[in-house]
Amino acid sequence: MRPDYADRELDNFVAAEIMNQKGTRPYTSEIGHAWQVVDKMMRKYKCEMKLDVFLGVSGELWVASFYNPIRCQRYESKGKTASLAICRAAKEAYLDLSGA
């Protein structure tokens, strides 16, 4: 994965706040780690997740959204990679659903 598509500050937030881990992992740059975030959001916050990609002249654009049916609330974000879009959307959902 290209390093310019990683967000180390967001990786740190995801590790500490969402995943409750010490240290960090490449959540925003590796899809396997991003799927761990999806799993956590689905289990802990009862979210559904949707992931779309748009291909166009300007390249790929990924859109990830977490939907919480209990609150009827959607949290959506975009990114140049699926993992970056997932982590951005997960942060938005976490900040609202956790009461942080």
C-alpha atoms as a PDB file:
ATOM      1  CA  MET A   1       0.000   0.000   0.000  1.00  0.00           C
ATOM      2  CA  ARG A   2       1.232   3.479  -0.787  1.00  0.00           C
ATOM      3  CA  PRO A   3       2.190   5.332   2.407  1.00  0.00           C
ATOM      4  CA  ASP A   4       0.454   8.539   1.265  1.00  0.00           C
ATOM      5  CA  TYR A   5      -2.845   6.704   1.679  1.00  0.00           C
ATOM      6  CA  ALA A   6      -2.131   5.980   5.340  1.00  0.00           C
ATOM      7  CA  ASP A   7      -3.158   8.221   8.208  1.00  0.00           C
ATOM      8  CA  ARG A   8      -0.949   7.466  11.209  1.00  0.00           C
ATOM      9  CA  GLU A   9      -2.877   9.808  13.518  1.00  0.00           C
ATOM     10  CA  LEU A  10      -6.095   7.980  12.644  1.00  0.00           C
ATOM     11  CA  ASP A  11      -4.310   4.619  13.096  1.00  0.00           C
ATOM     12  CA  ASN A  12      -3.406   5.720  16.638  1.00  0.00           C
ATOM     13  CA  PHE A  13      -6.982   6.824  17.366  1.00  0.00           C
ATOM     14  CA  VAL A  14      -8.460   3.567  16.065  1.00  0.00           C
ATOM     15  CA  ALA A  15      -6.007   1.465  18.071  1.00  0.00           C
ATOM     16  CA  ALA A  16      -6.474   3.342  21.351  1.00  0.00           C
ATOM     17  CA  GLU A  17     -10.160   4.249  21.246  1.00  0.00           C
ATOM     18  CA  ILE A  18     -12.012   1.770  19.053  1.00  0.00           C
ATOM     19  CA  MET A  19      -9.848  -1.332  19.412  1.00  0.00           C
ATOM     20  CA  ASN A  20      -8.638  -0.659  23.001  1.00  0.00           C
ATOM     21  CA  GLN A  21      -5.065  -1.629  22.112  1.00  0.00           C
ATOM     22  CA  LYS A  22      -1.677  -0.338  23.104  1.00  0.00           C
ATOM     23  CA  GLY A  23       0.565   0.557  20.212  1.00  0.00           C
ATOM     24  CA  THR A  24      -0.795   0.855  16.729  1.00  0.00           C
ATOM     25  CA  ARG A  25      -1.461  -1.156  13.617  1.00  0.00           C
ATOM     26  CA  PRO A  26      -1.800  -0.061   9.980  1.00  0.00           C
ATOM     27  CA  TYR A  27      -5.607   0.121  10.051  1.00  0.00           C
ATOM     28  CA  THR A  28      -5.788   2.866   7.418  1.00  0.00           C
ATOM     29  CA  SER A  29      -3.431   1.191   4.955  1.00  0.00           C
ATOM     30  CA  GLU A  30      -4.105  -2.567   5.241  1.00  0.00           C
ATOM     31  CA  ILE A  31      -7.554  -3.958   4.531  1.00  0.00           C
ATOM     32  CA  GLY A  32      -7.119  -6.949   6.854  1.00  0.00           C
ATOM     33  CA  HIS A  33      -6.688  -4.642   9.811  1.00  0.00           C
ATOM     34  CA  ALA A  34      -9.551  -2.424   8.651  1.00  0.00           C
ATOM     35  CA  TRP A  35     -11.853  -5.480   8.617  1.00  0.00           C
ATOM     36  CA  GLN A  36     -11.013  -6.015  12.289  1.00  0.00           C
ATOM     37  CA  VAL A  37     -12.384  -2.525  12.901  1.00  0.00           C
ATOM     38  CA  VAL A  38     -15.533  -3.410  10.931  1.00  0.00           C
ATOM     39  CA  ASP A  39     -15.983  -6.544  13.041  1.00  0.00           C
ATOM     40  CA  LYS A  40     -15.618  -4.566  16.272  1.00  0.00           C
ATOM     41  CA  MET A  41     -18.073  -1.876  15.167  1.00  0.00           C
ATOM     42  CA  MET A  42     -20.623  -4.489  14.112  1.00  0.00           C
ATOM     43  CA  ARG A  43     -20.379  -6.435  17.368  1.00  0.00           C
ATOM     44  CA  LYS A  44     -20.045  -3.647  19.916  1.00  0.00           C
ATOM     45  CA  TYR A  45     -22.192  -0.907  18.364  1.00  0.00           C
ATOM     46  CA  LYS A  46     -24.619  -3.100  16.364  1.00  0.00           C
ATOM     47  CA  CYS A  47     -23.696  -1.339  13.127  1.00  0.00           C
ATOM     48  CA  GLU A  48     -24.193  -2.472   9.578  1.00  0.00           C
ATOM     49  CA  MET A  49     -21.454  -1.586   7.099  1.00  0.00           C
ATOM     50  CA  LYS A  50     -21.649  -0.653   3.435  1.00  0.00           C
ATOM     51  CA  LEU A  51     -18.653  -0.170   1.156  1.00  0.00           C
ATOM     52  CA  ASP A  52     -18.779   1.253  -2.376  1.00  0.00           C
ATOM     53  CA  VAL A  53     -16.144   2.162  -4.925  1.00  0.00           C
ATOM     54  CA  PHE A  54     -16.524   4.733  -7.660  1.00  0.00           C
ATOM     55  CA  LEU A  55     -14.203   4.473 -10.647  1.00  0.00           C
ATOM     56  CA  GLY A  56     -13.782   7.512 -12.800  1.00  0.00           C
ATOM     57  CA  VAL A  57     -11.425   9.793 -14.616  1.00  0.00           C
ATOM     58  CA  SER A  58      -9.967  11.027 -11.341  1.00  0.00           C
ATOM     59  CA  GLY A  59      -9.330   7.496 -10.079  1.00  0.00           C
ATOM     60  CA  GLU A  60     -10.898   5.396  -7.379  1.00  0.00           C
ATOM     61  CA  LEU A  61     -12.926   6.803  -4.541  1.00  0.00           C
ATOM     62  CA  TRP A  62     -14.105   4.517  -1.770  1.00  0.00           C
ATOM     63  CA  VAL A  63     -17.130   5.349   0.361  1.00  0.00           C
ATOM     64  CA  ALA A  64     -17.690   3.483   3.619  1.00  0.00           C
ATOM     65  CA  SER A  65     -20.648   3.889   5.915  1.00  0.00           C
ATOM     66  CA  PHE A  66     -21.715   2.441   9.214  1.00  0.00           C
ATOM     67  CA  TYR A  67     -25.427   2.412   9.916  1.00  0.00           C
ATOM     68  CA  ASN A  68     -26.860   2.032  13.390  1.00  0.00           C
ATOM     69  CA  PRO A  69     -30.484   0.846  13.091  1.00  0.00           C
ATOM     70  CA  ILE A  70     -31.213   1.532  16.766  1.00  0.00           C
ATOM     71  CA  ARG A  71     -30.511   5.255  16.322  1.00  0.00           C
ATOM     72  CA  CYS A  72     -31.422   5.314  12.611  1.00  0.00           C
ATOM     73  CA  GLN A  73     -28.095   7.066  12.065  1.00  0.00           C
ATOM     74  CA  ARG A  74     -25.560   6.686   9.221  1.00  0.00           C
ATOM     75  CA  TYR A  75     -21.875   7.605   9.512  1.00  0.00           C
ATOM     76  CA  GLU A  76     -20.165   7.957   6.140  1.00  0.00           C
ATOM     77  CA  SER A  77     -16.706   8.832   4.925  1.00  0.00           C
ATOM     78  CA  LYS A  78     -14.575   8.708   1.775  1.00  0.00           C
ATOM     79  CA  GLY A  79     -10.999   7.785   0.998  1.00  0.00           C
ATOM     80  CA  LYS A  80      -8.577   6.835  -1.746  1.00  0.00           C
ATOM     81  CA  THR A  81      -8.533   3.298  -0.303  1.00  0.00           C
ATOM     82  CA  ALA A  82     -11.190   1.103   1.249  1.00  0.00           C
ATOM     83  CA  SER A  83      -9.276   0.823   4.518  1.00  0.00           C
ATOM     84  CA  LEU A  84      -8.914   4.596   4.856  1.00  0.00           C
ATOM     85  CA  ALA A  85     -12.623   5.156   4.159  1.00  0.00           C
ATOM     86  CA  ILE A  86     -13.567   2.439   6.679  1.00  0.00           C
ATOM     87  CA  CYS A  87     -11.431   3.949   9.437  1.00  0.00           C
ATOM     88  CA  ARG A  88     -12.716   7.466   8.833  1.00  0.00           C
ATOM     89  CA  ALA A  89     -16.325   6.271   8.986  1.00  0.00           C
ATOM     90  CA  ALA A  90     -15.608   4.131  12.046  1.00  0.00           C
ATOM     91  CA  LYS A  91     -14.203   7.165  13.887  1.00  0.00           C
ATOM     92  CA  GLU A  92     -17.331   9.199  13.127  1.00  0.00           C
ATOM     93  CA  ALA A  93     -19.577   6.364  14.306  1.00  0.00           C
ATOM     94  CA  TYR A  94     -17.501   5.715  17.415  1.00  0.00           C
ATOM     95  CA  LEU A  95     -17.486   9.378  18.480  1.00  0.00           C
ATOM     96  CA  ASP A  96     -21.282   9.479  18.380  1.00  0.00           C
ATOM     97  CA  LEU A  97     -22.207   5.980  19.543  1.00  0.00           C
ATOM     98  CA  SER A  98     -19.707   5.711  22.390  1.00  0.00           C
ATOM     99  CA  GLY A  99     -20.609   9.091  23.856  1.00  0.00           C
ATOM    100  CA  ALA A 100     -16.956  10.154  23.588  1.00  0.00           C
END
